[in-house]
Amino acid sequence: MPDGAEPVTATLLGAIDEVSAEAWDACAGAQNPFVSHAFLSALERSGSAVPDQGWQPRHLVVPDRDGGLLGAAPLYLKSHSYGEYVFDWGWADAYERAGGSYYPKLQACVPFTPVTGPRLLVRPGAEAEAVSATLIAGLTEVARRHQVSSLHVTFCEQAEWRQLGDAGFLRRTGRQFHWHNRGYDSFDAFLDGLTSRKRKMIRKERRKVAESGITLRALRGEAIEPRHWDAFHRFYLATADRKWGSPYLTRDFFHRLGETLTERVVLVVAEDRGEMIAAALNLLGEDALYGRNWGALGDYRFLHFEACYYQAIEFAIEHGLARVEAGAQGEHKIQRGYMPVETYSAHWIADPGFREAVENYLAHERRGIAGEIAGLATFGPFRQDRD
């Protein structure tokens, strides 16, 4: 911070709509749609991420003197660990058995969204180092003020992970599977880079879907009508019921998403004789397509792979995107060209003894994750004679 400059200070919001979209998005930027004011507002206004569901917004912001923001961090006070995808159930159980109270805790994240993105949002032109430091200090101060057991910054970017670690947070890694565009000019060009066996497998899966009479199309913008969102919500609930999942997102959330992030939504719709039977929801970033939710009325052979993975690859190639991020879990994605990558989270633990135990655990876990990623990469479908 320049000599003589006023120190920056942070404050809390009880809802994302307490600040203007313009001020928030000036810090969030346009690259990642999930940290946008529109996405976070849709979660809150729809009743998906609200106190009644165990998500109490406590967003941290650094105001400027002109009514705008220098920085921000999406933050929630939580009474459970659902909807996070960086699992700490074991930590909670151990702490509770030792006589502590793990909940409430603080979570700096995007609810229900296992997508890497910025968590320390700094407006371009601001004193980035000073604002980031203020946000980190503000996060820990909020944790102390609320007397929580812990504070978790999940799916942050690697640079933030390092910065938080330098500030005393514990570093954790995880893994996901992403597809990377190697300059392909068509889906066939992508297939040409695979081993013969994997190439035949993918062509077979796509052919079986086509022969079933199911047709797919990617809808964007005004082509996505309210009826599409109603249908998608039905698919989403049906799939959650079949897989014993938790349908965190409300019908209203999807409609709000379509209204406020119209140009960012890519909805891959599957139809059988003109009737919608399944759909895959994606959001578009500046250089990536993010696969988010999938839903279907029943089990259709290979349709999930086609709608969620192959259609996403085709879209990315057509639009010159660098990668497709297909969400959490799924070793089966490797043979379809989605390779393992590290994800990052940082954790502040209040209790010194508990912190030491978690720190020791994370040291072993990081080594395990690194070895797992290296091992999984050897099962990739790409030909060895291709870069």
Protein backbone atom coordinates (compact mmCIF):
# COMPACT_ATOMS: atom_id res chain seq x y z
CA MET A 1 0.00 0.00 0.00
CA PRO A 2 1.46 3.43 -0.88
CA ASP A 3 2.68 5.57 2.04
CA GLY A 4 -0.06 7.80 3.34
CA ALA A 5 -2.89 5.76 1.81
CA GLU A 6 -5.89 5.03 3.97
CA PRO A 7 -5.99 1.41 5.24
CA VAL A 8 -8.61 -0.76 3.62
CA THR A 9 -11.15 -2.40 5.91
CA ALA A 10 -13.68 -5.16 5.41
CA THR A 11 -17.32 -5.43 6.37
CA LEU A 12 -20.05 -8.09 6.17
CA LEU A 13 -23.22 -8.41 4.12
CA GLY A 14 -26.26 -10.42 5.15
CA ALA A 15 -27.25 -11.02 1.52
CA ILE A 16 -25.61 -10.59 -1.86
CA ASP A 17 -28.32 -8.12 -2.88
CA GLU A 18 -27.12 -5.67 -0.23
CA VAL A 19 -24.50 -4.64 -2.79
CA SER A 20 -25.08 -3.74 -6.42
CA ALA A 21 -24.31 -6.20 -9.19
CA GLU A 22 -22.07 -3.58 -10.78
CA ALA A 23 -19.93 -3.19 -7.65
CA TRP A 24 -19.64 -6.93 -6.98
CA ASP A 25 -18.93 -7.90 -10.61
CA ALA A 26 -16.25 -5.23 -10.87
CA CYS A 27 -14.34 -7.43 -8.42
CA ALA A 28 -15.54 -10.82 -9.65
CA GLY A 29 -14.69 -10.22 -13.30
CA ALA A 30 -16.22 -12.00 -16.26
CA GLN A 31 -14.11 -15.14 -16.52
CA ASN A 32 -15.95 -17.36 -14.05
CA PRO A 33 -19.78 -17.12 -14.05
CA PHE A 34 -20.23 -18.77 -10.66
CA VAL A 35 -18.79 -15.90 -8.62
CA SER A 36 -20.96 -13.40 -10.45
CA HIS A 37 -23.60 -11.42 -8.57
CA ALA A 38 -26.30 -12.95 -10.78
CA PHE A 39 -25.41 -16.55 -9.91
CA LEU A 40 -25.07 -15.93 -6.17
CA SER A 41 -28.25 -13.88 -6.14
CA ALA A 42 -30.15 -16.65 -7.94
CA LEU A 43 -29.05 -19.08 -5.23
CA GLU A 44 -30.26 -16.79 -2.45
CA ARG A 45 -33.43 -15.41 -4.00
CA SER A 46 -34.58 -18.88 -5.04
CA GLY A 47 -34.31 -20.23 -1.51
CA SER A 48 -31.49 -22.62 -2.41
CA ALA A 49 -28.65 -21.08 -0.34
CA VAL A 50 -30.44 -19.44 2.60
CA PRO A 51 -30.39 -19.77 6.42
CA ASP A 52 -33.34 -22.19 6.44
CA GLN A 53 -31.21 -24.55 4.35
CA GLY A 54 -28.14 -24.13 6.54
CA TRP A 55 -26.47 -21.46 4.40
CA GLN A 56 -26.41 -18.04 6.07
CA PRO A 57 -24.81 -15.44 3.76
CA ARG A 58 -22.03 -13.49 5.44
CA HIS A 59 -20.29 -12.09 2.37
CA LEU A 60 -17.12 -10.16 3.09
CA VAL A 61 -16.57 -6.92 1.17
CA VAL A 62 -13.98 -4.14 1.12
CA PRO A 63 -15.79 -0.89 0.24
CA ASP A 64 -14.15 2.04 -1.47
CA ARG A 65 -14.92 5.69 -0.72
CA ASP A 66 -17.17 6.07 -3.78
CA GLY A 67 -19.78 3.47 -2.92
CA GLY A 68 -18.16 0.67 -4.88
CA LEU A 69 -16.01 -2.27 -3.80
CA LEU A 70 -12.28 -2.88 -3.84
CA GLY A 71 -12.70 -6.57 -3.02
CA ALA A 72 -15.11 -9.26 -1.94
CA ALA A 73 -15.34 -12.90 -0.88
CA PRO A 74 -18.47 -15.09 -1.03
CA LEU A 75 -18.91 -16.38 2.52
CA TYR A 76 -21.50 -18.43 4.40
CA LEU A 77 -22.09 -19.45 8.00
CA LYS A 78 -23.04 -23.13 7.87
CA SER A 79 -24.71 -25.62 10.18
CA HIS A 80 -23.75 -28.72 8.14
CA SER A 81 -21.34 -29.89 5.42
CA TYR A 82 -23.78 -30.66 2.61
CA GLY A 83 -23.36 -29.20 -0.86
CA GLU A 84 -19.61 -28.52 -0.62
CA TYR A 85 -17.78 -31.42 -2.39
CA VAL A 86 -14.66 -30.99 -0.26
CA PHE A 87 -15.52 -33.50 2.40
CA ASP A 88 -14.89 -32.81 6.08
CA TRP A 89 -17.43 -35.17 7.63
CA GLY A 90 -14.58 -37.14 9.21
CA TRP A 91 -13.14 -33.97 10.73
CA ALA A 92 -16.54 -33.05 12.16
CA ASP A 93 -17.02 -36.51 13.64
CA ALA A 94 -13.55 -36.55 15.23
CA TYR A 95 -13.98 -33.10 16.74
CA GLU A 96 -17.44 -33.89 18.10
CA ARG A 97 -16.20 -37.16 19.64
CA ALA A 98 -13.40 -35.20 21.32
CA GLY A 99 -16.01 -32.98 22.94
CA GLY A 100 -15.94 -30.02 20.56
CA SER A 101 -18.67 -28.39 18.47
CA TYR A 102 -17.72 -28.45 14.80
CA TYR A 103 -20.80 -26.53 13.67
CA PRO A 104 -21.37 -23.75 12.91
CA LYS A 105 -18.44 -23.22 10.58
CA LEU A 106 -17.65 -20.69 7.86
CA GLN A 107 -17.40 -21.57 4.19
CA ALA A 108 -15.93 -19.28 1.50
CA CYS A 109 -17.25 -20.91 -1.65
CA VAL A 110 -19.97 -21.01 -4.25
CA PRO A 111 -22.74 -23.24 -2.86
CA PHE A 112 -23.34 -26.59 -4.57
CA THR A 113 -20.66 -25.79 -7.16
CA PRO A 114 -17.43 -27.82 -7.26
CA VAL A 115 -15.80 -25.47 -9.75
CA THR A 116 -12.39 -23.87 -9.28
CA GLY A 117 -12.55 -20.09 -9.32
CA PRO A 118 -11.43 -16.98 -7.47
CA ARG A 119 -12.49 -16.63 -3.86
CA LEU A 120 -10.54 -13.45 -3.06
CA LEU A 121 -12.16 -11.10 -5.56
CA VAL A 122 -10.16 -7.92 -6.20
CA ARG A 123 -11.19 -5.10 -8.51
CA PRO A 124 -8.68 -4.43 -11.31
CA GLY A 125 -6.68 -1.31 -10.57
CA ALA A 126 -7.01 -1.73 -6.81
CA GLU A 127 -3.99 -2.42 -4.64
CA ALA A 128 -4.34 -6.17 -5.15
CA GLU A 129 -1.87 -7.26 -2.48
CA ALA A 130 -3.35 -4.97 0.18
CA VAL A 131 -6.96 -5.84 -0.68
CA SER A 132 -6.24 -9.59 -0.70
CA ALA A 133 -4.49 -9.29 2.65
CA THR A 134 -7.47 -7.39 4.03
CA LEU A 135 -9.85 -10.10 2.81
CA ILE A 136 -7.76 -12.86 4.39
CA ALA A 137 -7.49 -10.94 7.67
CA GLY A 138 -11.22 -10.23 7.48
CA LEU A 139 -12.06 -13.90 6.99
CA THR A 140 -10.12 -14.96 10.07
CA GLU A 141 -11.56 -12.07 12.10
CA VAL A 142 -15.09 -13.13 11.16
CA ALA A 143 -14.24 -16.69 12.19
CA ARG A 144 -13.02 -15.51 15.58
CA ARG A 145 -15.95 -13.15 16.05
CA HIS A 146 -18.45 -15.92 15.31
CA GLN A 147 -16.46 -18.34 17.49
CA VAL A 148 -16.61 -21.05 14.84
CA SER A 149 -14.48 -24.18 14.87
CA SER A 150 -13.16 -23.60 11.38
CA LEU A 151 -13.18 -21.63 8.14
CA HIS A 152 -12.90 -23.33 4.75
CA VAL A 153 -12.00 -21.72 1.42
CA THR A 154 -12.89 -24.35 -1.15
CA PHE A 155 -12.17 -24.72 -4.87
CA CYS A 156 -9.96 -21.64 -4.81
CA GLU A 157 -7.34 -20.90 -7.42
CA GLN A 158 -3.82 -22.19 -6.90
CA ALA A 159 -2.33 -18.71 -6.36
CA GLU A 160 -4.93 -18.01 -3.65
CA TRP A 161 -4.20 -21.42 -2.11
CA ARG A 162 -0.56 -20.48 -1.78
CA GLN A 163 -1.39 -17.04 -0.44
CA LEU A 164 -3.77 -18.47 2.16
CA GLY A 165 -1.18 -21.04 3.15
CA ASP A 166 1.35 -18.29 3.68
CA ALA A 167 -1.21 -16.63 5.98
CA GLY A 168 -1.46 -19.73 8.16
CA PHE A 169 -4.28 -21.69 6.51
CA LEU A 170 -3.84 -25.43 6.04
CA ARG A 171 -3.55 -26.50 2.42
CA ARG A 172 -5.60 -29.32 0.96
CA THR A 173 -5.72 -30.80 -2.54
CA GLY A 174 -8.32 -32.85 -4.37
CA ARG A 175 -8.84 -34.00 -7.93
CA GLN A 176 -11.26 -33.61 -10.79
CA PHE A 177 -11.31 -34.57 -14.47
CA HIS A 178 -11.06 -31.90 -17.18
CA TRP A 179 -10.90 -32.10 -20.96
CA HIS A 180 -8.28 -29.89 -22.62
CA ASN A 181 -8.51 -28.61 -26.16
CA ARG A 182 -5.30 -29.37 -28.05
CA GLY A 183 -6.22 -27.17 -30.96
CA TYR A 184 -8.76 -29.59 -32.43
CA ASP A 185 -10.79 -28.41 -35.40
CA SER A 186 -13.43 -31.14 -35.07
CA PHE A 187 -14.58 -33.98 -32.82
CA ASP A 188 -13.03 -36.43 -35.28
CA ALA A 189 -9.70 -34.64 -34.85
CA PHE A 190 -10.01 -35.26 -31.10
CA LEU A 191 -10.78 -38.93 -31.75
CA ASP A 192 -7.78 -39.24 -34.03
CA GLY A 193 -5.55 -38.57 -31.04
CA LEU A 194 -6.95 -41.52 -29.07
CA THR A 195 -5.93 -45.14 -29.07
CA SER A 196 -7.85 -47.30 -31.51
CA ARG A 197 -9.76 -49.08 -28.73
CA LYS A 198 -10.93 -45.87 -27.04
CA ARG A 199 -11.79 -44.28 -30.37
CA LYS A 200 -13.99 -47.26 -31.27
CA MET A 201 -15.62 -47.21 -27.83
CA ILE A 202 -16.63 -43.55 -28.10
CA ARG A 203 -17.92 -43.97 -31.65
CA LYS A 204 -19.95 -46.99 -30.53
CA GLU A 205 -21.49 -45.10 -27.62
CA ARG A 206 -22.44 -42.15 -29.81
CA ARG A 207 -23.83 -44.44 -32.52
CA LYS A 208 -26.01 -46.34 -30.02
CA VAL A 209 -27.58 -43.07 -28.82
CA ALA A 210 -28.23 -41.96 -32.39
CA GLU A 211 -29.72 -45.34 -33.35
CA SER A 212 -32.09 -45.18 -30.38
CA GLY A 213 -33.85 -42.25 -32.04
CA ILE A 214 -32.82 -39.79 -29.35
CA THR A 215 -31.76 -36.41 -30.72
CA LEU A 216 -29.68 -33.79 -28.94
CA ARG A 217 -29.26 -30.06 -29.37
CA ALA A 218 -27.52 -27.33 -27.43
CA LEU A 219 -29.84 -24.44 -26.56
CA ARG A 220 -28.63 -20.95 -25.71
CA GLY A 221 -30.08 -17.54 -24.99
CA GLU A 222 -33.71 -16.95 -25.87
CA ALA A 223 -33.98 -20.44 -27.33
CA ILE A 224 -34.26 -21.67 -23.72
CA GLU A 225 -37.89 -21.18 -22.74
CA PRO A 226 -39.58 -21.50 -19.32
CA ARG A 227 -40.87 -24.94 -20.36
CA HIS A 228 -37.29 -26.12 -20.76
CA TRP A 229 -36.46 -25.07 -17.21
CA ASP A 230 -39.59 -26.75 -15.84
CA ALA A 231 -38.63 -29.95 -17.63
CA PHE A 232 -35.04 -29.74 -16.48
CA HIS A 233 -36.10 -29.35 -12.86
CA ARG A 234 -38.23 -32.50 -13.17
CA PHE A 235 -35.23 -34.36 -14.60
CA TYR A 236 -33.01 -33.01 -11.83
CA LEU A 237 -35.39 -34.22 -9.11
CA ALA A 238 -35.91 -37.61 -10.77
CA THR A 239 -32.18 -38.23 -11.02
CA ALA A 240 -31.60 -37.17 -7.40
CA ASP A 241 -34.32 -39.60 -6.28
CA ARG A 242 -32.81 -42.51 -8.23
CA LYS A 243 -29.29 -41.87 -6.97
CA TRP A 244 -30.24 -41.07 -3.35
CA GLY A 245 -28.93 -37.56 -3.86
CA SER A 246 -30.02 -34.27 -2.36
CA PRO A 247 -31.87 -31.88 -4.69
CA TYR A 248 -30.35 -28.67 -3.33
CA LEU A 249 -31.53 -26.41 -6.14
CA THR A 250 -35.10 -25.19 -6.45
CA ARG A 251 -37.20 -24.81 -9.57
CA ASP A 252 -37.03 -21.05 -9.12
CA PHE A 253 -33.22 -21.17 -9.18
CA PHE A 254 -33.16 -22.56 -12.72
CA HIS A 255 -35.65 -19.98 -13.95
CA ARG A 256 -33.64 -17.16 -12.38
CA LEU A 257 -30.47 -18.55 -13.92
CA GLY A 258 -32.09 -18.45 -17.33
CA GLU A 259 -33.27 -14.89 -16.81
CA THR A 260 -30.09 -13.34 -15.40
CA LEU A 261 -27.30 -15.37 -17.02
CA THR A 262 -29.02 -15.94 -20.34
CA GLU A 263 -25.90 -15.76 -22.51
CA ARG A 264 -23.86 -17.92 -20.15
CA VAL A 265 -26.19 -20.93 -20.15
CA VAL A 266 -25.72 -23.86 -22.52
CA LEU A 267 -28.53 -26.39 -22.05
CA VAL A 268 -28.03 -29.67 -23.91
CA VAL A 269 -31.49 -31.13 -24.43
CA ALA A 270 -32.22 -34.76 -25.33
CA GLU A 271 -35.52 -35.55 -27.03
CA ASP A 272 -37.26 -38.80 -27.96
CA ARG A 273 -39.84 -38.33 -30.72
CA GLY A 274 -40.07 -34.64 -29.86
CA GLU A 275 -40.46 -35.12 -26.11
CA MET A 276 -37.75 -33.94 -23.71
CA ILE A 277 -36.38 -36.85 -21.69
CA ALA A 278 -33.09 -35.50 -20.34
CA ALA A 279 -30.84 -32.45 -20.27
CA ALA A 280 -27.38 -31.33 -19.18
CA LEU A 281 -26.83 -27.84 -17.80
CA ASN A 282 -23.55 -26.07 -18.60
CA LEU A 283 -22.33 -22.55 -17.94
CA LEU A 284 -19.97 -20.74 -20.25
CA GLY A 285 -16.86 -18.93 -19.03
CA GLU A 286 -14.39 -16.88 -21.02
CA ASP A 287 -12.24 -19.88 -21.89
CA ALA A 288 -14.09 -22.90 -20.50
CA LEU A 289 -17.40 -24.73 -20.50
CA TYR A 290 -18.47 -25.85 -17.04
CA GLY A 291 -20.69 -28.91 -16.81
CA ARG A 292 -22.98 -28.54 -13.81
CA ASN A 293 -26.18 -30.55 -13.50
CA TRP A 294 -27.66 -33.52 -15.30
CA GLY A 295 -31.13 -34.95 -15.16
CA ALA A 296 -33.14 -37.65 -16.94
CA LEU A 297 -36.53 -39.29 -16.57
CA GLY A 298 -34.99 -42.77 -16.72
CA ASP A 299 -31.86 -44.72 -17.58
CA TYR A 300 -30.91 -44.46 -21.23
CA ARG A 301 -27.84 -46.34 -22.37
CA PHE A 302 -24.86 -44.04 -23.05
CA LEU A 303 -27.05 -40.92 -23.00
CA HIS A 304 -25.27 -39.44 -19.98
CA PHE A 305 -21.90 -39.73 -21.74
CA GLU A 306 -23.28 -38.16 -24.89
CA ALA A 307 -25.13 -35.27 -23.27
CA CYS A 308 -22.60 -34.41 -20.58
CA TYR A 309 -19.22 -35.25 -22.13
CA TYR A 310 -19.29 -35.54 -25.91
CA GLN A 311 -21.69 -32.69 -26.56
CA ALA A 312 -19.59 -30.50 -24.25
CA ILE A 313 -16.42 -31.40 -26.18
CA GLU A 314 -18.09 -30.60 -29.49
CA PHE A 315 -19.26 -27.24 -28.15
CA ALA A 316 -15.80 -26.39 -26.82
CA ILE A 317 -14.15 -27.25 -30.13
CA GLU A 318 -16.69 -25.27 -32.14
CA HIS A 319 -16.27 -22.20 -29.93
CA GLY A 320 -12.52 -22.43 -29.43
CA LEU A 321 -12.67 -22.98 -25.67
CA ALA A 322 -9.57 -24.16 -23.85
CA ARG A 323 -11.21 -26.80 -21.68
CA VAL A 324 -14.32 -28.49 -20.35
CA GLU A 325 -14.67 -28.95 -16.60
CA ALA A 326 -17.06 -31.80 -15.98
CA GLY A 327 -17.61 -31.45 -12.24
CA ALA A 328 -16.76 -33.70 -9.31
CA GLN A 329 -15.90 -37.40 -9.21
CA GLY A 330 -15.89 -39.90 -12.04
CA GLU A 331 -12.85 -42.01 -12.97
CA HIS A 332 -14.91 -43.19 -15.96
CA LYS A 333 -14.27 -39.77 -17.51
CA ILE A 334 -10.61 -40.64 -18.17
CA GLN A 335 -11.30 -43.03 -21.03
CA ARG A 336 -13.41 -40.31 -22.62
CA GLY A 337 -10.58 -37.78 -22.68
CA TYR A 338 -11.12 -36.03 -19.34
CA MET A 339 -7.81 -36.14 -17.47
CA PRO A 340 -7.12 -35.75 -13.73
CA VAL A 341 -6.12 -32.33 -12.38
CA GLU A 342 -5.55 -30.98 -8.87
CA THR A 343 -8.09 -28.84 -7.05
CA TYR A 344 -7.31 -26.66 -4.04
CA SER A 345 -8.81 -25.65 -0.71
CA ALA A 346 -7.49 -23.88 2.38
CA HIS A 347 -8.61 -24.36 5.97
CA TRP A 348 -8.35 -22.30 9.16
CA ILE A 349 -8.78 -24.32 12.36
CA ALA A 350 -9.33 -22.55 15.69
CA ASP A 351 -8.39 -25.29 18.15
CA PRO A 352 -4.56 -25.76 18.21
CA GLY A 353 -4.70 -29.47 18.99
CA PHE A 354 -7.31 -30.17 16.35
CA ARG A 355 -5.40 -28.04 13.85
CA GLU A 356 -2.26 -30.13 14.41
CA ALA A 357 -4.19 -33.36 13.82
CA VAL A 358 -5.75 -32.03 10.60
CA GLU A 359 -2.40 -30.68 9.43
CA ASN A 360 -0.78 -34.11 9.83
CA TYR A 361 -3.65 -35.74 7.99
CA LEU A 362 -3.46 -33.27 5.10
CA ALA A 363 0.28 -33.83 4.64
CA HIS A 364 -0.42 -37.53 3.98
CA GLU A 365 -3.51 -36.78 1.90
CA ARG A 366 -1.65 -34.37 -0.43
CA ARG A 367 0.96 -37.01 -1.17
CA GLY A 368 -1.79 -39.53 -1.81
CA ILE A 369 -3.66 -37.20 -4.16
CA ALA A 370 -0.48 -36.43 -6.13
CA GLY A 371 0.27 -40.14 -6.50
CA GLU A 372 -3.32 -40.90 -7.46
CA ILE A 373 -3.33 -38.24 -10.18
CA ALA A 374 -0.03 -39.53 -11.57
CA GLY A 375 -1.34 -43.08 -11.56
CA LEU A 376 -4.69 -42.22 -13.12
CA ALA A 377 -2.98 -40.26 -15.89
CA THR A 378 -1.35 -43.47 -17.11
CA PHE A 379 -4.83 -44.77 -17.99
CA GLY A 380 -5.53 -41.88 -20.36
CA PRO A 381 -6.94 -42.72 -23.80
CA PHE A 382 -4.43 -40.69 -25.82
CA ARG A 383 -1.98 -42.30 -28.22
CA GLN A 384 1.59 -42.27 -27.01
CA ASP A 385 2.81 -40.94 -30.35
CA ARG A 386 0.66 -37.83 -29.92
CA ASP A 387 1.73 -34.87 -27.79
